[in-house]
Amino acid sequence: MSGMETAMSREDEVKKYLDQHNIINVLNDLTSALVFYRPEDPRLFLIGELTKMRETKSSNIKIPRLLNPSNAKAIFDTLDPTGRGYITAVQYEETMLQLGIKEFKPPSHYDNAQITKELFLDQFKPN
């Protein structure tokens, strides 16, 4: 086996491990929570969040996600401080990516590059 095959095999192993244990989503949620709450002691905050995750997993309770429709409204309002009722397509795409939402549905067309609050909030509806 060549060095290139070994590297690809190792990369595939890592991806499989990360997917299997949902690690990327957990890290994205933790990072989003840190940015949203901005705790005085981030380490203590993360320990608390991980403890909650462990407890809810063992009791089969689904934990609430940081990014829900209520919080999405606050995010949109932050992006639209003058209350125009829309944000730009660039703001929309950058925000989704910064929030760790990689599989968002870009609109099939941008109405003059304006993303309405309704369209933005549509991304946070439960599946």
Protein backbone atom coordinates (compact mmCIF):
# COMPACT_ATOMS: atom_id res chain seq x y z
CA MET A 1 0.00 0.00 0.00
CA SER A 2 1.42 3.37 -0.95
CA GLY A 3 1.63 6.36 1.36
CA MET A 4 -1.17 8.05 -0.58
CA GLU A 5 -3.50 5.05 -0.12
CA THR A 6 -2.70 4.97 3.61
CA ALA A 7 -3.45 8.68 3.93
CA MET A 8 -6.78 8.30 2.12
CA SER A 9 -7.67 5.26 4.19
CA ARG A 10 -6.90 7.17 7.39
CA GLU A 11 -8.92 10.17 6.20
CA ASP A 12 -11.88 7.89 5.46
CA GLU A 13 -11.55 6.32 8.92
CA VAL A 14 -11.57 9.73 10.56
CA LYS A 15 -14.62 10.88 8.57
CA LYS A 16 -16.47 7.69 9.45
CA TYR A 17 -15.63 8.12 13.14
CA LEU A 18 -16.74 11.77 13.18
CA ASP A 19 -20.00 10.92 11.40
CA GLN A 20 -20.69 7.86 13.52
CA HIS A 21 -20.44 9.84 16.75
CA ASN A 22 -22.01 13.06 15.40
CA ILE A 23 -18.94 14.96 16.59
CA ILE A 24 -19.05 17.78 14.04
CA ASN A 25 -22.66 18.64 14.95
CA VAL A 26 -21.88 18.53 18.67
CA LEU A 27 -18.88 20.84 18.21
CA ASN A 28 -20.93 23.20 16.02
CA ASP A 29 -23.66 23.33 18.67
CA LEU A 30 -21.14 23.98 21.44
CA THR A 31 -19.41 26.69 19.44
CA SER A 32 -22.73 28.34 18.59
CA ALA A 33 -23.75 28.25 22.25
CA LEU A 34 -20.46 29.87 23.27
CA VAL A 35 -20.92 32.68 20.77
CA PHE A 36 -24.59 33.12 21.66
CA TYR A 37 -24.22 33.15 25.47
CA ARG A 38 -20.63 34.46 25.77
CA PRO A 39 -20.12 33.01 29.27
CA GLU A 40 -17.56 34.47 31.68
CA ASP A 41 -15.93 31.06 32.06
CA PRO A 42 -16.14 29.24 28.71
CA ARG A 43 -14.51 26.07 30.06
CA LEU A 44 -17.01 25.75 32.90
CA PHE A 45 -19.85 26.54 30.49
CA LEU A 46 -18.72 23.79 28.08
CA ILE A 47 -18.45 21.29 30.92
CA GLY A 48 -22.02 22.14 31.89
CA GLU A 49 -23.27 21.79 28.32
CA LEU A 50 -21.52 18.43 27.88
CA THR A 51 -22.94 17.25 31.21
CA LYS A 52 -26.46 18.21 30.06
CA MET A 53 -25.88 16.34 26.79
CA ARG A 54 -24.76 13.22 28.64
CA GLU A 55 -27.71 13.37 31.04
CA THR A 56 -30.26 13.87 28.28
CA LYS A 57 -28.72 11.09 26.21
CA SER A 58 -28.91 8.61 29.11
CA SER A 59 -32.54 9.56 29.83
CA ASN A 60 -33.53 9.59 26.13
CA ILE A 61 -34.70 13.20 26.37
CA LYS A 62 -34.10 15.27 23.28
CA ILE A 63 -32.17 18.41 24.21
CA PRO A 64 -33.36 21.72 22.82
CA ARG A 65 -31.17 23.07 20.09
CA LEU A 66 -29.72 26.55 20.30
CA LEU A 67 -30.82 27.30 16.78
CA ASN A 68 -34.57 27.21 16.96
CA PRO A 69 -37.19 29.49 15.40
CA SER A 70 -37.25 31.80 18.41
CA ASN A 71 -33.50 32.33 18.39
CA ALA A 72 -33.51 32.61 14.61
CA LYS A 73 -35.78 35.66 14.90
CA ALA A 74 -33.24 37.31 17.18
CA ILE A 75 -30.44 36.49 14.77
CA PHE A 76 -32.37 37.96 11.84
CA ASP A 77 -33.21 41.10 13.82
CA THR A 78 -29.53 41.52 14.61
CA LEU A 79 -28.72 41.29 10.90
CA ASP A 80 -31.51 43.78 10.10
CA PRO A 81 -31.06 46.46 12.79
CA THR A 82 -33.02 49.10 10.85
CA GLY A 83 -36.05 46.82 10.44
CA ARG A 84 -36.15 46.78 6.64
CA GLY A 85 -37.60 43.26 6.72
CA TYR A 86 -34.86 41.71 4.65
CA ILE A 87 -31.14 40.97 4.58
CA THR A 88 -28.83 40.57 1.61
CA ALA A 89 -28.11 37.24 -0.01
CA VAL A 90 -24.49 37.59 1.10
CA GLN A 91 -25.54 38.13 4.74
CA TYR A 92 -27.83 35.11 4.47
CA GLU A 93 -25.21 32.75 3.07
CA GLU A 94 -22.46 33.92 5.44
CA THR A 95 -24.74 33.64 8.47
CA MET A 96 -25.84 30.12 7.60
CA LEU A 97 -22.23 29.03 7.18
CA GLN A 98 -21.13 30.77 10.40
CA LEU A 99 -23.92 29.03 12.28
CA GLY A 100 -22.62 25.72 10.96
CA ILE A 101 -25.62 25.17 8.72
CA LYS A 102 -24.06 23.68 5.64
CA GLU A 103 -27.21 22.22 4.13
CA PHE A 104 -29.39 25.30 3.93
CA LYS A 105 -31.72 25.81 1.01
CA PRO A 106 -30.63 28.81 -0.99
CA PRO A 107 -33.64 30.35 -2.69
CA SER A 108 -34.00 29.42 -6.34
CA HIS A 109 -33.89 33.12 -7.08
CA TYR A 110 -32.97 36.14 -5.05
CA ASP A 111 -35.51 38.93 -5.20
CA ASN A 112 -33.04 41.75 -5.83
CA ALA A 113 -30.65 39.93 -3.47
CA GLN A 114 -33.13 40.42 -0.60
CA ILE A 115 -33.79 37.56 1.79
CA THR A 116 -36.98 38.13 3.75
CA LYS A 117 -37.40 37.26 7.40
CA GLU A 118 -39.90 34.56 6.38
CA LEU A 119 -37.37 32.89 4.08
CA PHE A 120 -34.63 33.12 6.72
CA LEU A 121 -36.84 31.63 9.43
CA ASP A 122 -37.92 28.83 7.11
CA GLN A 123 -34.44 27.33 7.59
CA PHE A 124 -35.14 26.74 11.29
CA LYS A 125 -38.44 24.87 11.05
CA PRO A 126 -38.35 21.39 12.56
CA ASN A 127 -38.07 18.56 10.05
